[in-house]
Amino acid sequence: MPVVETGGIKFEVDGEGYLVNIQDWNEQVACGIAEREGLDELTKERMDIINFLRKYYMEFHAFPILRGVCRDIHKPKECVKDEFVDPIKAWKIAGLPNPGVIATKAGDKEHKIFRFLVPD
């Protein structure tokens, strides 16, 4: 698996750029992943979303409903799309597991999981 170095720290990502070890995440790692994803800056608004995604995942081991993210951080209902365009980028920058792996573990619930993250 590829090792990424940013700002003097190294972390491992999978073939799609997702952080391999969730405990390796910190804001510097987030900045490195964001740069790989084509985002030049992690604003306070983006970090609010990222921190909420991490907190939610750590508690529920699932994707939150996107509008719920925005409501809980007191932002407009489309805040994730407005800040990241693709919610998967926010998930990746938050250092959370590859959603394909989560969907595989969930078996038949794959479509249900992705429905909340990426609407039809």
C-alpha atoms as a PDB file:
ATOM      1  CA  MET A   1       0.000   0.000   0.000  1.00  0.00           C
ATOM      2  CA  PRO A   2       1.256   3.501  -0.782  1.00  0.00           C
ATOM      3  CA  VAL A   3       2.894   5.583   1.923  1.00  0.00           C
ATOM      4  CA  VAL A   4       2.230   9.312   1.724  1.00  0.00           C
ATOM      5  CA  GLU A   5       4.519  11.884   3.307  1.00  0.00           C
ATOM      6  CA  THR A   6       3.327  15.374   4.128  1.00  0.00           C
ATOM      7  CA  GLY A   7       4.843  17.931   6.452  1.00  0.00           C
ATOM      8  CA  GLY A   8       7.352  15.416   7.776  1.00  0.00           C
ATOM      9  CA  ILE A   9       4.802  12.746   8.732  1.00  0.00           C
ATOM     10  CA  LYS A  10       4.080   9.520   6.892  1.00  0.00           C
ATOM     11  CA  PHE A  11       0.822   7.609   6.625  1.00  0.00           C
ATOM     12  CA  GLU A  12      -0.403   4.663   4.632  1.00  0.00           C
ATOM     13  CA  VAL A  13      -3.329   4.816   2.193  1.00  0.00           C
ATOM     14  CA  ASP A  14      -5.047   2.102   0.196  1.00  0.00           C
ATOM     15  CA  GLY A  15      -5.112   1.971  -3.598  1.00  0.00           C
ATOM     16  CA  GLU A  16      -7.959   4.499  -3.709  1.00  0.00           C
ATOM     17  CA  GLY A  17      -6.299   6.961  -1.313  1.00  0.00           C
ATOM     18  CA  TYR A  18      -8.225   6.099   1.870  1.00  0.00           C
ATOM     19  CA  LEU A  19      -6.286   6.165   5.135  1.00  0.00           C
ATOM     20  CA  VAL A  20      -5.464   2.596   6.154  1.00  0.00           C
ATOM     21  CA  ASN A  21      -5.225   3.159   9.921  1.00  0.00           C
ATOM     22  CA  ILE A  22      -7.951   5.440  11.272  1.00  0.00           C
ATOM     23  CA  GLN A  23      -5.778   6.199  14.341  1.00  0.00           C
ATOM     24  CA  ASP A  24      -3.121   7.797  12.122  1.00  0.00           C
ATOM     25  CA  TRP A  25      -5.467  10.712  11.362  1.00  0.00           C
ATOM     26  CA  ASN A  26      -4.827  14.252  12.508  1.00  0.00           C
ATOM     27  CA  GLU A  27      -5.320  17.651  10.860  1.00  0.00           C
ATOM     28  CA  GLN A  28      -1.942  17.447   9.144  1.00  0.00           C
ATOM     29  CA  VAL A  29      -2.900  14.077   7.623  1.00  0.00           C
ATOM     30  CA  ALA A  30      -6.243  15.594   6.587  1.00  0.00           C
ATOM     31  CA  CYS A  31      -4.379  18.379   4.799  1.00  0.00           C
ATOM     32  CA  GLY A  32      -2.210  15.833   2.987  1.00  0.00           C
ATOM     33  CA  ILE A  33      -5.235  13.824   1.843  1.00  0.00           C
ATOM     34  CA  ALA A  34      -7.058  17.013   0.842  1.00  0.00           C
ATOM     35  CA  GLU A  35      -4.104  18.068  -1.286  1.00  0.00           C
ATOM     36  CA  ARG A  36      -4.130  14.655  -3.019  1.00  0.00           C
ATOM     37  CA  GLU A  37      -7.863  15.190  -3.648  1.00  0.00           C
ATOM     38  CA  GLY A  38      -7.314  18.588  -5.244  1.00  0.00           C
ATOM     39  CA  LEU A  39      -8.454  20.795  -2.360  1.00  0.00           C
ATOM     40  CA  ASP A  40      -6.003  23.546  -1.600  1.00  0.00           C
ATOM     41  CA  GLU A  41      -7.396  24.588   1.772  1.00  0.00           C
ATOM     42  CA  LEU A  42      -9.267  23.042   4.670  1.00  0.00           C
ATOM     43  CA  THR A  43     -11.317  25.958   5.891  1.00  0.00           C
ATOM     44  CA  LYS A  44     -13.013  26.059   9.275  1.00  0.00           C
ATOM     45  CA  GLU A  45     -16.282  25.103   7.564  1.00  0.00           C
ATOM     46  CA  ARG A  46     -14.678  22.076   5.925  1.00  0.00           C
ATOM     47  CA  MET A  47     -13.006  21.025   9.170  1.00  0.00           C
ATOM     48  CA  ASP A  48     -16.354  21.282  10.988  1.00  0.00           C
ATOM     49  CA  ILE A  49     -17.806  18.793   8.489  1.00  0.00           C
ATOM     50  CA  ILE A  50     -14.781  16.507   8.658  1.00  0.00           C
ATOM     51  CA  ASN A  51     -14.769  16.474  12.459  1.00  0.00           C
ATOM     52  CA  PHE A  52     -18.492  15.718  12.543  1.00  0.00           C
ATOM     53  CA  LEU A  53     -18.049  12.809  10.091  1.00  0.00           C
ATOM     54  CA  ARG A  54     -15.291  11.363  12.271  1.00  0.00           C
ATOM     55  CA  LYS A  55     -17.281  11.750  15.465  1.00  0.00           C
ATOM     56  CA  TYR A  56     -20.367  10.189  13.905  1.00  0.00           C
ATOM     57  CA  TYR A  57     -18.422   7.272  12.436  1.00  0.00           C
ATOM     58  CA  MET A  58     -16.628   6.589  15.726  1.00  0.00           C
ATOM     59  CA  GLU A  59     -19.973   6.406  17.533  1.00  0.00           C
ATOM     60  CA  PHE A  60     -22.155   4.609  14.962  1.00  0.00           C
ATOM     61  CA  HIS A  61     -19.718   2.995  12.446  1.00  0.00           C
ATOM     62  CA  ALA A  62     -21.895   4.301   9.629  1.00  0.00           C
ATOM     63  CA  PHE A  63     -22.417   7.218   7.267  1.00  0.00           C
ATOM     64  CA  PRO A  64     -24.562  10.058   8.594  1.00  0.00           C
ATOM     65  CA  ILE A  65     -27.422  11.481   6.585  1.00  0.00           C
ATOM     66  CA  LEU A  66     -25.822  14.462   4.851  1.00  0.00           C
ATOM     67  CA  ARG A  67     -28.517  16.956   5.770  1.00  0.00           C
ATOM     68  CA  GLY A  68     -28.142  15.820   9.360  1.00  0.00           C
ATOM     69  CA  VAL A  69     -24.442  16.706   9.231  1.00  0.00           C
ATOM     70  CA  CYS A  70     -25.278  20.225   8.127  1.00  0.00           C
ATOM     71  CA  ARG A  71     -28.053  20.599  10.677  1.00  0.00           C
ATOM     72  CA  ASP A  72     -25.831  19.400  13.515  1.00  0.00           C
ATOM     73  CA  ILE A  73     -23.050  21.855  12.675  1.00  0.00           C
ATOM     74  CA  HIS A  74     -25.568  24.672  12.090  1.00  0.00           C
ATOM     75  CA  LYS A  75     -24.929  25.115   8.357  1.00  0.00           C
ATOM     76  CA  PRO A  76     -27.247  25.223   5.295  1.00  0.00           C
ATOM     77  CA  LYS A  77     -28.688  21.813   4.336  1.00  0.00           C
ATOM     78  CA  GLU A  78     -26.373  21.379   1.334  1.00  0.00           C
ATOM     79  CA  CYS A  79     -23.188  22.299   3.207  1.00  0.00           C
ATOM     80  CA  VAL A  80     -21.308  19.085   2.444  1.00  0.00           C
ATOM     81  CA  LYS A  81     -21.889  19.385  -1.297  1.00  0.00           C
ATOM     82  CA  ASP A  82     -21.154  23.114  -1.199  1.00  0.00           C
ATOM     83  CA  GLU A  83     -17.810  22.621   0.571  1.00  0.00           C
ATOM     84  CA  PHE A  84     -16.592  19.389  -1.052  1.00  0.00           C
ATOM     85  CA  VAL A  85     -18.734  18.890  -4.206  1.00  0.00           C
ATOM     86  CA  ASP A  86     -18.404  15.125  -3.660  1.00  0.00           C
ATOM     87  CA  PRO A  87     -19.253  13.872  -0.141  1.00  0.00           C
ATOM     88  CA  ILE A  88     -16.884  10.945  -0.663  1.00  0.00           C
ATOM     89  CA  LYS A  89     -13.993  13.451  -0.643  1.00  0.00           C
ATOM     90  CA  ALA A  90     -15.053  14.680   2.784  1.00  0.00           C
ATOM     91  CA  TRP A  91     -15.233  11.080   4.009  1.00  0.00           C
ATOM     92  CA  LYS A  92     -11.774  10.322   2.631  1.00  0.00           C
ATOM     93  CA  ILE A  93     -10.223  13.490   4.088  1.00  0.00           C
ATOM     94  CA  ALA A  94     -11.788  12.609   7.449  1.00  0.00           C
ATOM     95  CA  GLY A  95      -9.563   9.515   7.378  1.00  0.00           C
ATOM     96  CA  LEU A  96     -12.490   7.112   7.467  1.00  0.00           C
ATOM     97  CA  PRO A  97     -12.516   3.622   5.919  1.00  0.00           C
ATOM     98  CA  ASN A  98     -13.053   3.027   2.240  1.00  0.00           C
ATOM     99  CA  PRO A  99     -16.861   2.954   1.866  1.00  0.00           C
ATOM    100  CA  GLY A 100     -16.555   0.002  -0.517  1.00  0.00           C
ATOM    101  CA  VAL A 101     -15.132  -2.016   2.369  1.00  0.00           C
ATOM    102  CA  ILE A 102     -17.944  -0.897   4.671  1.00  0.00           C
ATOM    103  CA  ALA A 103     -20.571  -1.726   2.048  1.00  0.00           C
ATOM    104  CA  THR A 104     -19.035  -5.163   1.526  1.00  0.00           C
ATOM    105  CA  LYS A 105     -19.194  -5.860   5.252  1.00  0.00           C
ATOM    106  CA  ALA A 106     -22.807  -4.710   5.329  1.00  0.00           C
ATOM    107  CA  GLY A 107     -23.782  -7.272   2.693  1.00  0.00           C
ATOM    108  CA  ASP A 108     -27.290  -6.692   1.391  1.00  0.00           C
ATOM    109  CA  LYS A 109     -27.477  -3.233   2.946  1.00  0.00           C
ATOM    110  CA  GLU A 110     -24.958  -1.786   0.480  1.00  0.00           C
ATOM    111  CA  HIS A 111     -27.488   0.378  -1.343  1.00  0.00           C
ATOM    112  CA  LYS A 112     -28.975   1.635   1.902  1.00  0.00           C
ATOM    113  CA  ILE A 113     -25.582   2.858   3.139  1.00  0.00           C
ATOM    114  CA  PHE A 114     -24.728   4.645  -0.096  1.00  0.00           C
ATOM    115  CA  ARG A 115     -28.202   6.158  -0.416  1.00  0.00           C
ATOM    116  CA  PHE A 116     -27.442   8.447   2.521  1.00  0.00           C
ATOM    117  CA  LEU A 117     -24.016   9.456   1.298  1.00  0.00           C
ATOM    118  CA  VAL A 118     -24.730   9.868  -2.399  1.00  0.00           C
ATOM    119  CA  PRO A 119     -28.421  10.384  -3.236  1.00  0.00           C
ATOM    120  CA  ASP A 120     -29.806   8.692  -6.373  1.00  0.00           C
END
